[in-house]
Every structure is written in C-alpha cells, then in structure tokens.
PDB file of all heavy atoms in Angstrom:
ATOM      1  N   ILE A   1      10.170  -5.217  14.809  1.00  0.00           N
ATOM      2  CA  ILE A   1       9.797  -3.903  15.316  1.00  0.00           C
ATOM      3  C   ILE A   1       8.526  -3.959  16.183  1.00  0.00           C
ATOM      4  O   ILE A   1       8.500  -3.446  17.286  1.00  0.00           O
ATOM      5  CB  ILE A   1       9.595  -2.893  14.160  1.00  0.00           C
ATOM      6  CG1 ILE A   1      10.949  -2.715  13.436  1.00  0.00           C
ATOM      7  CG2 ILE A   1       9.028  -1.560  14.643  1.00  0.00           C
ATOM      8  CD1 ILE A   1      10.920  -1.768  12.272  1.00  0.00           C
ATOM      9  N   LEU A   2       7.492  -4.672  15.685  1.00  0.00           N
ATOM     10  CA  LEU A   2       6.290  -4.837  16.478  1.00  0.00           C
ATOM     11  C   LEU A   2       6.336  -6.078  17.383  1.00  0.00           C
ATOM     12  O   LEU A   2       5.508  -6.192  18.303  1.00  0.00           O
ATOM     13  CB  LEU A   2       5.058  -4.948  15.522  1.00  0.00           C
ATOM     14  CG  LEU A   2       4.762  -3.748  14.651  1.00  0.00           C
ATOM     15  CD1 LEU A   2       3.446  -3.981  13.933  1.00  0.00           C
ATOM     16  CD2 LEU A   2       4.687  -2.466  15.453  1.00  0.00           C
ATOM     17  N   PHE A   3       7.258  -7.009  17.088  1.00  0.00           N
ATOM     18  CA  PHE A   3       7.427  -8.231  17.871  1.00  0.00           C
ATOM     19  C   PHE A   3       6.118  -9.026  17.903  1.00  0.00           C
ATOM     20  O   PHE A   3       5.730  -9.594  18.926  1.00  0.00           O
ATOM     21  CB  PHE A   3       7.870  -7.929  19.326  1.00  0.00           C
ATOM     22  CG  PHE A   3       9.212  -7.251  19.385  1.00  0.00           C
ATOM     23  CD1 PHE A   3       9.314  -5.872  19.535  1.00  0.00           C
ATOM     24  CD2 PHE A   3      10.373  -8.006  19.227  1.00  0.00           C
ATOM     25  CE1 PHE A   3      10.590  -5.256  19.556  1.00  0.00           C
ATOM     26  CE2 PHE A   3      11.647  -7.398  19.250  1.00  0.00           C
ATOM     27  CZ  PHE A   3      11.724  -6.025  19.412  1.00  0.00           C
ATOM     28  N   LEU A   4       5.457  -9.139  16.774  1.00  0.00           N
ATOM     29  CA  LEU A   4       4.245  -9.920  16.628  1.00  0.00           C
ATOM     30  C   LEU A   4       4.579 -11.400  16.530  1.00  0.00           C
ATOM     31  O   LEU A   4       5.471 -11.784  15.759  1.00  0.00           O
ATOM     32  CB  LEU A   4       3.509  -9.492  15.346  1.00  0.00           C
ATOM     33  CG  LEU A   4       2.560  -8.314  15.448  1.00  0.00           C
ATOM     34  CD1 LEU A   4       2.051  -8.003  14.043  1.00  0.00           C
ATOM     35  CD2 LEU A   4       1.433  -8.561  16.396  1.00  0.00           C
ATOM     36  N   LYS A   5       3.911 -12.229  17.292  1.00  0.00           N
ATOM     37  CA  LYS A   5       4.049 -13.648  17.156  1.00  0.00           C
ATOM     38  C   LYS A   5       3.063 -14.210  16.106  1.00  0.00           C
ATOM     39  O   LYS A   5       3.305 -15.270  15.547  1.00  0.00           O
ATOM     40  CB  LYS A   5       3.766 -14.341  18.495  1.00  0.00           C
ATOM     41  CG  LYS A   5       4.806 -14.010  19.560  1.00  0.00           C
ATOM     42  CD  LYS A   5       4.497 -14.563  20.917  1.00  0.00           C
ATOM     43  CE  LYS A   5       4.511 -16.075  20.943  1.00  0.00           C
ATOM     44  NZ  LYS A   5       4.280 -16.637  22.255  1.00  0.00           N
ATOM     45  N   ASN A   6       1.977 -13.457  15.835  1.00  0.00           N
ATOM     46  CA  ASN A   6       1.037 -13.874  14.795  1.00  0.00           C
ATOM     47  C   ASN A   6       1.703 -13.868  13.448  1.00  0.00           C
ATOM     48  O   ASN A   6       2.544 -13.025  13.146  1.00  0.00           O
ATOM     49  CB  ASN A   6      -0.161 -12.934  14.739  1.00  0.00           C
ATOM     50  CG  ASN A   6      -0.799 -12.691  16.100  1.00  0.00           C
ATOM     51  OD1 ASN A   6      -0.320 -11.880  16.865  1.00  0.00           O
ATOM     52  ND2 ASN A   6      -1.871 -13.410  16.383  1.00  0.00           N
ATOM     53  N   GLU A   7       1.276 -14.810  12.583  1.00  0.00           N
ATOM     54  CA  GLU A   7       1.796 -14.832  11.220  1.00  0.00           C
ATOM     55  C   GLU A   7       0.873 -14.032  10.307  1.00  0.00           C
ATOM     56  O   GLU A   7      -0.302 -14.327  10.197  1.00  0.00           O
ATOM     57  CB  GLU A   7       1.929 -16.268  10.709  1.00  0.00           C
ATOM     58  CG  GLU A   7       2.610 -16.338   9.370  1.00  0.00           C
ATOM     59  CD  GLU A   7       2.876 -17.768   8.909  1.00  0.00           C
ATOM     60  OE1 GLU A   7       2.541 -18.690   9.676  1.00  0.00           O
ATOM     61  OE2 GLU A   7       3.407 -17.938   7.783  1.00  0.00           O
ATOM     62  N   LEU A   8       1.433 -13.000   9.703  1.00  0.00           N
ATOM     63  CA  LEU A   8       0.719 -12.172   8.731  1.00  0.00           C
ATOM     64  C   LEU A   8       1.131 -12.479   7.320  1.00  0.00           C
ATOM     65  O   LEU A   8       2.355 -12.664   7.071  1.00  0.00           O
ATOM     66  CB  LEU A   8       0.902 -10.681   9.047  1.00  0.00           C
ATOM     67  CG  LEU A   8      -0.069 -10.056  10.058  1.00  0.00           C
ATOM     68  CD1 LEU A   8      -0.034 -10.748  11.410  1.00  0.00           C
ATOM     69  CD2 LEU A   8       0.202  -8.557  10.244  1.00  0.00           C
ATOM     70  N   VAL A   9       0.178 -12.536   6.409  1.00  0.00           N
ATOM     71  CA  VAL A   9       0.494 -12.903   5.042  1.00  0.00           C
ATOM     72  C   VAL A   9      -0.178 -11.911   4.069  1.00  0.00           C
ATOM     73  O   VAL A   9      -1.131 -11.193   4.439  1.00  0.00           O
ATOM     74  CB  VAL A   9       0.005 -14.314   4.710  1.00  0.00           C
ATOM     75  CG1 VAL A   9       0.766 -15.348   5.523  1.00  0.00           C
ATOM     76  CG2 VAL A   9      -1.504 -14.461   4.955  1.00  0.00           C
ATOM     77  N   ILE A  10       0.318 -11.878   2.865  1.00  0.00           N
ATOM     78  CA  ILE A  10      -0.238 -11.020   1.833  1.00  0.00           C
ATOM     79  C   ILE A  10      -1.609 -11.530   1.410  1.00  0.00           C
ATOM     80  O   ILE A  10      -1.776 -12.707   1.079  1.00  0.00           O
ATOM     81  CB  ILE A  10       0.704 -10.981   0.607  1.00  0.00           C
ATOM     82  CG1 ILE A  10       2.066 -10.371   0.987  1.00  0.00           C
ATOM     83  CG2 ILE A  10       0.057 -10.203  -0.547  1.00  0.00           C
ATOM     84  CD1 ILE A  10       3.097 -10.497  -0.106  1.00  0.00           C
ATOM     85  N   THR A  11      -2.609 -10.625   1.401  1.00  0.00           N
ATOM     86  CA  THR A  11      -3.930 -11.007   0.972  1.00  0.00           C
ATOM     87  C   THR A  11      -4.319 -10.320  -0.343  1.00  0.00           C
ATOM     88  O   THR A  11      -5.173 -10.824  -1.069  1.00  0.00           O
ATOM     89  CB  THR A  11      -4.989 -10.621   2.039  1.00  0.00           C
ATOM     90  OG1 THR A  11      -4.862  -9.214   2.349  1.00  0.00           O
ATOM     91  CG2 THR A  11      -4.778 -11.411   3.311  1.00  0.00           C
ATOM     92  N   GLU A  12      -3.714  -9.177  -0.614  1.00  0.00           N
ATOM     93  CA  GLU A  12      -3.947  -8.451  -1.872  1.00  0.00           C
ATOM     94  C   GLU A  12      -2.647  -7.789  -2.324  1.00  0.00           C
ATOM     95  O   GLU A  12      -1.817  -7.441  -1.515  1.00  0.00           O
ATOM     96  CB  GLU A  12      -5.002  -7.375  -1.700  1.00  0.00           C
ATOM     97  CG  GLU A  12      -6.430  -7.834  -1.549  1.00  0.00           C
ATOM     98  CD  GLU A  12      -7.386  -6.641  -1.540  1.00  0.00           C
ATOM     99  OE1 GLU A  12      -7.317  -5.837  -0.594  1.00  0.00           O
ATOM    100  OE2 GLU A  12      -8.201  -6.539  -2.488  1.00  0.00           O
ATOM    101  N   SER A  13      -2.530  -7.670  -3.627  1.00  0.00           N
ATOM    102  CA  SER A  13      -1.365  -6.961  -4.171  1.00  0.00           C
ATOM    103  C   SER A  13      -1.794  -6.308  -5.458  1.00  0.00           C
ATOM    104  O   SER A  13      -2.583  -6.863  -6.224  1.00  0.00           O
ATOM    105  CB  SER A  13      -0.188  -7.925  -4.417  1.00  0.00           C
ATOM    106  OG  SER A  13      -0.604  -9.059  -5.169  1.00  0.00           O
ATOM    107  N   TRP A  14      -1.316  -5.111  -5.699  1.00  0.00           N
ATOM    108  CA  TRP A  14      -1.782  -4.328  -6.834  1.00  0.00           C
ATOM    109  C   TRP A  14      -0.717  -3.305  -7.259  1.00  0.00           C
ATOM    110  O   TRP A  14       0.292  -3.122  -6.579  1.00  0.00           O
ATOM    111  CB  TRP A  14      -3.088  -3.604  -6.477  1.00  0.00           C
ATOM    112  CG  TRP A  14      -2.864  -2.518  -5.432  1.00  0.00           C
ATOM    113  CD1 TRP A  14      -2.596  -1.194  -5.670  1.00  0.00           C
ATOM    114  CD2 TRP A  14      -2.844  -2.663  -4.028  1.00  0.00           C
ATOM    115  NE1 TRP A  14      -2.406  -0.526  -4.462  1.00  0.00           N
ATOM    116  CE2 TRP A  14      -2.577  -1.409  -3.482  1.00  0.00           C
ATOM    117  CE3 TRP A  14      -3.024  -3.748  -3.163  1.00  0.00           C
ATOM    118  CZ2 TRP A  14      -2.473  -1.224  -2.072  1.00  0.00           C
ATOM    119  CZ3 TRP A  14      -2.954  -3.580  -1.786  1.00  0.00           C
ATOM    120  CH2 TRP A  14      -2.692  -2.289  -1.261  1.00  0.00           C
ATOM    121  N   ILE A  15      -0.985  -2.606  -8.341  1.00  0.00           N
ATOM    122  CA  ILE A  15      -0.164  -1.447  -8.691  1.00  0.00           C
ATOM    123  C   ILE A  15      -1.096  -0.248  -8.819  1.00  0.00           C
ATOM    124  O   ILE A  15      -2.293  -0.411  -9.111  1.00  0.00           O
ATOM    125  CB  ILE A  15       0.642  -1.638  -9.982  1.00  0.00           C
ATOM    126  CG1 ILE A  15      -0.275  -1.787 -11.245  1.00  0.00           C
ATOM    127  CG2 ILE A  15       1.561  -2.827  -9.857  1.00  0.00           C
ATOM    128  CD1 ILE A  15      -0.414  -0.521 -12.042  1.00  0.00           C
ATOM    129  N   SER A  16      -0.549   0.923  -8.611  1.00  0.00           N
ATOM    130  CA  SER A  16      -1.263   2.156  -8.930  1.00  0.00           C
ATOM    131  C   SER A  16      -0.428   2.957  -9.895  1.00  0.00           C
ATOM    132  O   SER A  16       0.824   2.948  -9.803  1.00  0.00           O
ATOM    133  CB  SER A  16      -1.614   2.985  -7.681  1.00  0.00           C
ATOM    134  OG  SER A  16      -0.422   3.541  -7.129  1.00  0.00           O
ATOM    135  N   ARG A  17      -1.104   3.608 -10.828  1.00  0.00           N
ATOM    136  CA  ARG A  17      -0.382   4.403 -11.857  1.00  0.00           C
ATOM    137  C   ARG A  17      -1.025   5.785 -11.922  1.00  0.00           C
ATOM    138  O   ARG A  17      -2.216   5.910 -12.200  1.00  0.00           O
ATOM    139  CB  ARG A  17      -0.463   3.717 -13.200  1.00  0.00           C
ATOM    140  CG  ARG A  17       0.460   4.314 -14.246  1.00  0.00           C
ATOM    141  CD  ARG A  17       0.590   3.421 -15.467  1.00  0.00           C
ATOM    142  NE  ARG A  17      -0.545   3.562 -16.381  1.00  0.00           N
ATOM    143  CZ  ARG A  17      -1.081   2.532 -17.054  1.00  0.00           C
ATOM    144  NH1 ARG A  17      -0.607   1.318 -16.895  1.00  0.00           N
ATOM    145  NH2 ARG A  17      -2.079   2.737 -17.869  1.00  0.00           N
ATOM    146  N   ALA A  18      -0.199   6.780 -11.603  1.00  0.00           N
ATOM    147  CA  ALA A  18      -0.676   8.175 -11.581  1.00  0.00           C
ATOM    148  C   ALA A  18      -0.125   8.891 -12.813  1.00  0.00           C
ATOM    149  O   ALA A  18       1.085   9.114 -12.892  1.00  0.00           O
ATOM    150  CB  ALA A  18      -0.307   8.854 -10.307  1.00  0.00           C
ATOM    151  N   ARG A  19      -0.969   9.228 -13.702  1.00  0.00           N
ATOM    152  CA  ARG A  19      -0.549  10.017 -14.852  1.00  0.00           C
ATOM    153  C   ARG A  19      -0.209  11.447 -14.418  1.00  0.00           C
ATOM    154  O   ARG A  19      -0.585  11.829 -13.316  1.00  0.00           O
ATOM    155  CB  ARG A  19      -1.639  10.024 -15.922  1.00  0.00           C
ATOM    156  CG  ARG A  19      -1.905   8.642 -16.527  1.00  0.00           C
ATOM    157  CD  ARG A  19      -2.863   8.725 -17.661  1.00  0.00           C
ATOM    158  NE  ARG A  19      -3.001   7.435 -18.326  1.00  0.00           N
ATOM    159  CZ  ARG A  19      -4.155   6.770 -18.423  1.00  0.00           C
ATOM    160  NH1 ARG A  19      -5.242   7.258 -17.918  1.00  0.00           N
ATOM    161  NH2 ARG A  19      -4.180   5.582 -19.053  1.00  0.00           N
ATOM    162  N   PRO A  20       0.483  12.240 -15.231  1.00  0.00           N
ATOM    163  CA  PRO A  20       0.796  13.588 -14.830  1.00  0.00           C
ATOM    164  C   PRO A  20      -0.486  14.383 -14.425  1.00  0.00           C
ATOM    165  O   PRO A  20      -1.522  14.326 -15.132  1.00  0.00           O
ATOM    166  CB  PRO A  20       1.375  14.207 -16.117  1.00  0.00           C
ATOM    167  CG  PRO A  20       2.022  13.024 -16.804  1.00  0.00           C
ATOM    168  CD  PRO A  20       1.101  11.848 -16.506  1.00  0.00           C
ATOM    169  N   GLY A  21      -0.457  14.993 -13.251  1.00  0.00           N
ATOM    170  CA  GLY A  21      -1.593  15.725 -12.731  1.00  0.00           C
ATOM    171  C   GLY A  21      -2.549  14.902 -11.904  1.00  0.00           C
ATOM    172  O   GLY A  21      -3.386  15.473 -11.207  1.00  0.00           O
ATOM    173  N   ALA A  22      -2.413  13.599 -11.923  1.00  0.00           N
ATOM    174  CA  ALA A  22      -3.324  12.706 -11.211  1.00  0.00           C
ATOM    175  C   ALA A  22      -3.040  12.698  -9.717  1.00  0.00           C
ATOM    176  O   ALA A  22      -1.877  12.869  -9.281  1.00  0.00           O
ATOM    177  CB  ALA A  22      -3.289  11.303 -11.755  1.00  0.00           C
ATOM    178  N   THR A  23      -4.060  12.527  -8.905  1.00  0.00           N
ATOM    179  CA  THR A  23      -3.906  12.420  -7.461  1.00  0.00           C
ATOM    180  C   THR A  23      -4.757  11.319  -6.922  1.00  0.00           C
ATOM    181  O   THR A  23      -5.847  11.018  -7.462  1.00  0.00           O
ATOM    182  CB  THR A  23      -4.251  13.775  -6.784  1.00  0.00           C
ATOM    183  OG1 THR A  23      -3.991  13.663  -5.359  1.00  0.00           O
ATOM    184  CG2 THR A  23      -5.718  14.145  -6.986  1.00  0.00           C
ATOM    185  N   HIS A  24      -4.334  10.679  -5.818  1.00  0.00           N
ATOM    186  CA  HIS A  24      -5.151   9.626  -5.237  1.00  0.00           C
ATOM    187  C   HIS A  24      -5.937  10.169  -4.069  1.00  0.00           C
ATOM    188  O   HIS A  24      -5.372  10.776  -3.151  1.00  0.00           O
ATOM    189  CB  HIS A  24      -4.202   8.506  -4.735  1.00  0.00           C
ATOM    190  CG  HIS A  24      -4.873   7.149  -4.687  1.00  0.00           C
ATOM    191  ND1 HIS A  24      -4.198   5.990  -4.668  1.00  0.00           N
ATOM    192  CD2 HIS A  24      -6.203   6.826  -4.642  1.00  0.00           C
ATOM    193  CE1 HIS A  24      -5.054   4.951  -4.635  1.00  0.00           C
ATOM    194  NE2 HIS A  24      -6.260   5.469  -4.606  1.00  0.00           N
ATOM    195  N   HIS A  25      -7.263  10.003  -4.145  1.00  0.00           N
ATOM    196  CA  HIS A  25      -8.138  10.577  -3.143  1.00  0.00           C
ATOM    197  C   HIS A  25      -7.878   9.977  -1.721  1.00  0.00           C
ATOM    198  O   HIS A  25      -7.241   8.948  -1.585  1.00  0.00           O
ATOM    199  CB  HIS A  25      -9.593  10.289  -3.526  1.00  0.00           C
ATOM    200  CG  HIS A  25      -9.953   8.853  -3.459  1.00  0.00           C
ATOM    201  ND1 HIS A  25      -9.466   7.895  -4.353  1.00  0.00           N
ATOM    202  CD2 HIS A  25     -10.750   8.143  -2.561  1.00  0.00           C
ATOM    203  CE1 HIS A  25      -9.955   6.691  -4.025  1.00  0.00           C
ATOM    204  NE2 HIS A  25     -10.710   6.820  -2.944  1.00  0.00           N
ATOM    205  N   ARG A  26      -8.406  10.662  -0.714  1.00  0.00           N
ATOM    206  CA  ARG A  26      -8.276  10.169   0.674  1.00  0.00           C
ATOM    207  C   ARG A  26      -9.049   8.892   0.832  1.00  0.00           C
ATOM    208  O   ARG A  26     -10.223   8.790   0.475  1.00  0.00           O
ATOM    209  CB  ARG A  26      -8.797  11.249   1.615  1.00  0.00           C
ATOM    210  CG  ARG A  26      -8.634  10.932   3.096  1.00  0.00           C
ATOM    211  CD  ARG A  26      -9.136  12.141   3.921  1.00  0.00           C
ATOM    212  NE  ARG A  26      -8.932  11.928   5.341  1.00  0.00           N
ATOM    213  CZ  ARG A  26      -9.893  11.394   6.183  1.00  0.00           C
ATOM    214  NH1 ARG A  26     -11.055  11.009   5.643  1.00  0.00           N
ATOM    215  NH2 ARG A  26      -9.639  11.259   7.450  1.00  0.00           N
ATOM    216  N   HIS A  27      -8.387   7.839   1.360  1.00  0.00           N
ATOM    217  CA  HIS A  27      -9.013   6.563   1.499  1.00  0.00           C
ATOM    218  C   HIS A  27      -8.340   5.696   2.556  1.00  0.00           C
ATOM    219  O   HIS A  27      -7.260   6.070   3.054  1.00  0.00           O
ATOM    220  CB  HIS A  27      -9.016   5.823   0.154  1.00  0.00           C
ATOM    221  CG  HIS A  27      -7.633   5.472  -0.315  1.00  0.00           C
ATOM    222  ND1 HIS A  27      -6.735   6.410  -0.806  1.00  0.00           N
ATOM    223  CD2 HIS A  27      -6.934   4.299  -0.353  1.00  0.00           C
ATOM    224  CE1 HIS A  27      -5.599   5.843  -1.115  1.00  0.00           C
ATOM    225  NE2 HIS A  27      -5.687   4.561  -0.855  1.00  0.00           N
ATOM    226  N   LYS A  28      -8.954   4.576   2.906  1.00  0.00           N
ATOM    227  CA  LYS A  28      -8.352   3.574   3.746  1.00  0.00           C
ATOM    228  C   LYS A  28      -8.388   2.236   3.025  1.00  0.00           C
ATOM    229  O   LYS A  28      -8.988   2.121   1.935  1.00  0.00           O
ATOM    230  CB  LYS A  28      -9.186   3.448   5.056  1.00  0.00           C
ATOM    231  CG  LYS A  28      -9.270   4.785   5.855  1.00  0.00           C
ATOM    232  CD  LYS A  28     -10.163   4.587   7.116  1.00  0.00           C
ATOM    233  CE  LYS A  28     -10.301   5.882   7.880  1.00  0.00           C
ATOM    234  NZ  LYS A  28     -11.153   5.701   9.076  1.00  0.00           N
ATOM    235  N   HIS A  29      -7.746   1.230   3.595  1.00  0.00           N
ATOM    236  CA  HIS A  29      -7.726  -0.103   2.978  1.00  0.00           C
ATOM    237  C   HIS A  29      -8.516  -1.058   3.852  1.00  0.00           C
ATOM    238  O   HIS A  29      -8.025  -1.563   4.855  1.00  0.00           O
ATOM    239  CB  HIS A  29      -6.259  -0.594   2.818  1.00  0.00           C
ATOM    240  CG  HIS A  29      -5.484   0.217   1.829  1.00  0.00           C
ATOM    241  ND1 HIS A  29      -4.102   0.141   1.778  1.00  0.00           N
ATOM    242  CD2 HIS A  29      -5.854   1.107   0.899  1.00  0.00           C
ATOM    243  CE1 HIS A  29      -3.672   0.949   0.845  1.00  0.00           C
ATOM    244  NE2 HIS A  29      -4.717   1.565   0.313  1.00  0.00           N
ATOM    245  N   PRO A  30      -9.769  -1.314   3.454  1.00  0.00           N
ATOM    246  CA  PRO A  30     -10.610  -2.216   4.299  1.00  0.00           C
ATOM    247  C   PRO A  30     -10.155  -3.670   4.256  1.00  0.00           C
ATOM    248  O   PRO A  30      -9.421  -4.070   3.312  1.00  0.00           O
ATOM    249  CB  PRO A  30     -11.993  -2.026   3.685  1.00  0.00           C
ATOM    250  CG  PRO A  30     -11.741  -1.636   2.277  1.00  0.00           C
ATOM    251  CD  PRO A  30     -10.494  -0.841   2.296  1.00  0.00           C
ATOM    252  N   ASN A  31     -10.599  -4.443   5.260  1.00  0.00           N
ATOM    253  CA  ASN A  31     -10.300  -5.857   5.321  1.00  0.00           C
ATOM    254  C   ASN A  31      -8.827  -6.188   5.341  1.00  0.00           C
ATOM    255  O   ASN A  31      -8.393  -7.203   4.739  1.00  0.00           O
ATOM    256  CB  ASN A  31     -11.025  -6.571   4.155  1.00  0.00           C
ATOM    257  CG  ASN A  31     -12.480  -6.320   4.124  1.00  0.00           C
ATOM    258  OD1 ASN A  31     -13.172  -6.356   5.145  1.00  0.00           O
ATOM    259  ND2 ASN A  31     -13.020  -5.982   2.940  1.00  0.00           N
ATOM    260  N   ALA A  32      -8.057  -5.351   5.964  1.00  0.00           N
ATOM    261  CA  ALA A  32      -6.618  -5.568   6.088  1.00  0.00           C
ATOM    262  C   ALA A  32      -6.124  -5.041   7.422  1.00  0.00           C
ATOM    263  O   ALA A  32      -6.792  -4.204   8.033  1.00  0.00           O
ATOM    264  CB  ALA A  32      -5.866  -4.865   4.958  1.00  0.00           C
ATOM    265  N   LEU A  33      -4.994  -5.556   7.884  1.00  0.00           N
ATOM    266  CA  LEU A  33      -4.397  -5.060   9.121  1.00  0.00           C
ATOM    267  C   LEU A  33      -3.291  -4.032   8.814  1.00  0.00           C
ATOM    268  O   LEU A  33      -3.260  -2.970   9.411  1.00  0.00           O
ATOM    269  CB  LEU A  33      -3.755  -6.212   9.912  1.00  0.00           C
ATOM    270  CG  LEU A  33      -4.754  -7.269  10.464  1.00  0.00           C
ATOM    271  CD1 LEU A  33      -4.019  -8.372  11.137  1.00  0.00           C
ATOM    272  CD2 LEU A  33      -5.739  -6.586  11.401  1.00  0.00           C
ATOM    273  N   PHE A  34      -2.424  -4.327   7.838  1.00  0.00           N
ATOM    274  CA  PHE A  34      -1.366  -3.428   7.473  1.00  0.00           C
ATOM    275  C   PHE A  34      -1.278  -3.328   5.969  1.00  0.00           C
ATOM    276  O   PHE A  34      -1.674  -4.298   5.258  1.00  0.00           O
ATOM    277  CB  PHE A  34      -0.020  -3.941   8.016  1.00  0.00           C
ATOM    278  CG  PHE A  34       0.166  -3.726   9.503  1.00  0.00           C
ATOM    279  CD1 PHE A  34      -0.182  -4.729  10.361  1.00  0.00           C
ATOM    280  CD2 PHE A  34       0.627  -2.522  10.015  1.00  0.00           C
ATOM    281  CE1 PHE A  34      -0.027  -4.566  11.734  1.00  0.00           C
ATOM    282  CE2 PHE A  34       0.807  -2.342  11.379  1.00  0.00           C
ATOM    283  CZ  PHE A  34       0.464  -3.346  12.264  1.00  0.00           C
ATOM    284  N   SER A  35      -0.816  -2.220   5.497  1.00  0.00           N
ATOM    285  CA  SER A  35      -0.581  -2.024   4.054  1.00  0.00           C
ATOM    286  C   SER A  35       0.875  -1.609   3.858  1.00  0.00           C
ATOM    287  O   SER A  35       1.494  -1.048   4.739  1.00  0.00           O
ATOM    288  CB  SER A  35      -1.491  -0.933   3.503  1.00  0.00           C
ATOM    289  OG  SER A  35      -2.849  -1.306   3.583  1.00  0.00           O
ATOM    290  N   ILE A  36       1.385  -1.983   2.685  1.00  0.00           N
ATOM    291  CA  ILE A  36       2.759  -1.648   2.343  1.00  0.00           C
ATOM    292  C   ILE A  36       2.760  -1.090   0.928  1.00  0.00           C
ATOM    293  O   ILE A  36       2.062  -1.622   0.031  1.00  0.00           O
ATOM    294  CB  ILE A  36       3.710  -2.868   2.490  1.00  0.00           C
ATOM    295  CG1 ILE A  36       5.147  -2.485   2.227  1.00  0.00           C
ATOM    296  CG2 ILE A  36       3.232  -3.979   1.607  1.00  0.00           C
ATOM    297  CD1 ILE A  36       6.099  -3.587   2.676  1.00  0.00           C
ATOM    298  N   VAL A  37       3.467  -0.002   0.709  1.00  0.00           N
ATOM    299  CA  VAL A  37       3.557   0.568  -0.647  1.00  0.00           C
ATOM    300  C   VAL A  37       5.040   0.791  -0.954  1.00  0.00           C
ATOM    301  O   VAL A  37       5.816   1.282  -0.112  1.00  0.00           O
ATOM    302  CB  VAL A  37       2.784   1.882  -0.803  1.00  0.00           C
ATOM    303  CG1 VAL A  37       1.293   1.668  -0.764  1.00  0.00           C
ATOM    304  CG2 VAL A  37       3.154   2.901   0.278  1.00  0.00           C
ATOM    305  N   TYR A  38       5.385   0.424  -2.188  1.00  0.00           N
ATOM    306  CA  TYR A  38       6.770   0.589  -2.693  1.00  0.00           C
ATOM    307  C   TYR A  38       6.742   1.468  -3.917  1.00  0.00           C
ATOM    308  O   TYR A  38       5.972   1.212  -4.868  1.00  0.00           O
ATOM    309  CB  TYR A  38       7.382  -0.788  -3.004  1.00  0.00           C
ATOM    310  CG  TYR A  38       8.651  -0.661  -3.811  1.00  0.00           C
ATOM    311  CD1 TYR A  38       9.806  -0.183  -3.237  1.00  0.00           C
ATOM    312  CD2 TYR A  38       8.679  -1.022  -5.155  1.00  0.00           C
ATOM    313  CE1 TYR A  38      10.994  -0.006  -3.973  1.00  0.00           C
ATOM    314  CE2 TYR A  38       9.867  -0.907  -5.901  1.00  0.00           C
ATOM    315  CZ  TYR A  38      11.007  -0.405  -5.304  1.00  0.00           C
ATOM    316  OH  TYR A  38      12.152  -0.277  -6.040  1.00  0.00           O
ATOM    317  N   TYR A  39       7.512   2.521  -3.905  1.00  0.00           N
ATOM    318  CA  TYR A  39       7.516   3.479  -5.000  1.00  0.00           C
ATOM    319  C   TYR A  39       8.537   3.034  -6.074  1.00  0.00           C
ATOM    320  O   TYR A  39       9.717   3.230  -5.975  1.00  0.00           O
ATOM    321  CB  TYR A  39       7.845   4.867  -4.484  1.00  0.00           C
ATOM    322  CG  TYR A  39       6.716   5.429  -3.639  1.00  0.00           C
ATOM    323  CD1 TYR A  39       6.604   5.093  -2.296  1.00  0.00           C
ATOM    324  CD2 TYR A  39       5.740   6.222  -4.203  1.00  0.00           C
ATOM    325  CE1 TYR A  39       5.557   5.516  -1.527  1.00  0.00           C
ATOM    326  CE2 TYR A  39       4.673   6.677  -3.428  1.00  0.00           C
ATOM    327  CZ  TYR A  39       4.575   6.329  -2.108  1.00  0.00           C
ATOM    328  OH  TYR A  39       3.509   6.758  -1.360  1.00  0.00           O
ATOM    329  N   ALA A  40       7.971   2.358  -7.088  1.00  0.00           N
ATOM    330  CA  ALA A  40       8.784   1.769  -8.157  1.00  0.00           C
ATOM    331  C   ALA A  40       9.358   2.804  -9.083  1.00  0.00           C
ATOM    332  O   ALA A  40      10.509   2.651  -9.578  1.00  0.00           O
ATOM    333  CB  ALA A  40       7.986   0.728  -8.924  1.00  0.00           C
ATOM    334  N   ASP A  41       8.605   3.855  -9.351  1.00  0.00           N
ATOM    335  CA  ASP A  41       9.073   4.931 -10.236  1.00  0.00           C
ATOM    336  C   ASP A  41       8.358   6.196  -9.840  1.00  0.00           C
ATOM    337  O   ASP A  41       7.178   6.376 -10.160  1.00  0.00           O
ATOM    338  CB  ASP A  41       8.795   4.567 -11.710  1.00  0.00           C
ATOM    339  CG  ASP A  41       9.513   5.546 -12.676  1.00  0.00           C
ATOM    340  OD1 ASP A  41      10.226   6.434 -12.210  1.00  0.00           O
ATOM    341  OD2 ASP A  41       9.353   5.364 -13.904  1.00  0.00           O
ATOM    342  N   CYS A  42       9.083   7.047  -9.125  1.00  0.00           N
ATOM    343  CA  CYS A  42       8.461   8.263  -8.546  1.00  0.00           C
ATOM    344  C   CYS A  42       9.538   9.250  -8.260  1.00  0.00           C
ATOM    345  O   CYS A  42      10.195   9.222  -7.204  1.00  0.00           O
ATOM    346  CB  CYS A  42       7.700   7.870  -7.260  1.00  0.00           C
ATOM    347  SG  CYS A  42       7.051   9.245  -6.353  1.00  0.00           S
ATOM    348  N   PRO A  43       9.800  10.187  -9.207  1.00  0.00           N
ATOM    349  CA  PRO A  43      10.865  11.189  -8.971  1.00  0.00           C
ATOM    350  C   PRO A  43      10.675  11.938  -7.628  1.00  0.00           C
ATOM    351  O   PRO A  43      11.652  12.099  -6.915  1.00  0.00           O
ATOM    352  CB  PRO A  43      10.710  12.129 -10.157  1.00  0.00           C
ATOM    353  CG  PRO A  43      10.077  11.302 -11.228  1.00  0.00           C
ATOM    354  CD  PRO A  43       9.162  10.347 -10.523  1.00  0.00           C
ATOM    355  N   SER A  44       9.484  12.328  -7.312  1.00  0.00           N
ATOM    356  CA  SER A  44       9.215  12.952  -5.988  1.00  0.00           C
ATOM    357  C   SER A  44       7.690  13.086  -5.850  1.00  0.00           C
ATOM    358  O   SER A  44       6.979  13.382  -6.810  1.00  0.00           O
ATOM    359  CB  SER A  44       9.886  14.294  -5.857  1.00  0.00           C
ATOM    360  OG  SER A  44       9.328  15.247  -6.760  1.00  0.00           O
TER     361      SER A  44
END
C-alpha cells in the first residue's frame, strides 16, 4: 500500500485492558513510525 522499500520491524508490543467504564486518554506513540492495534475481544 505504501510501497516502502525500507524494512520496518516491531520495536514494542503490548496489550491494553479496559475494564467496564474505562477509557484510554488522548495520546500518541513516541519513538515509533507506525502503530498497529488488533481488537482481540471488543464487542463494540
């Protein structure tokens, strides 16, 4: 999609867990180029 010739690799990996009523504040991910999030269990 981006047609990047550069090789990009995973530098950090984590999980987030939001209990009922919890919300994640506005933020950015420093020291990274791209981030990826996968919703493992999230009704909506």
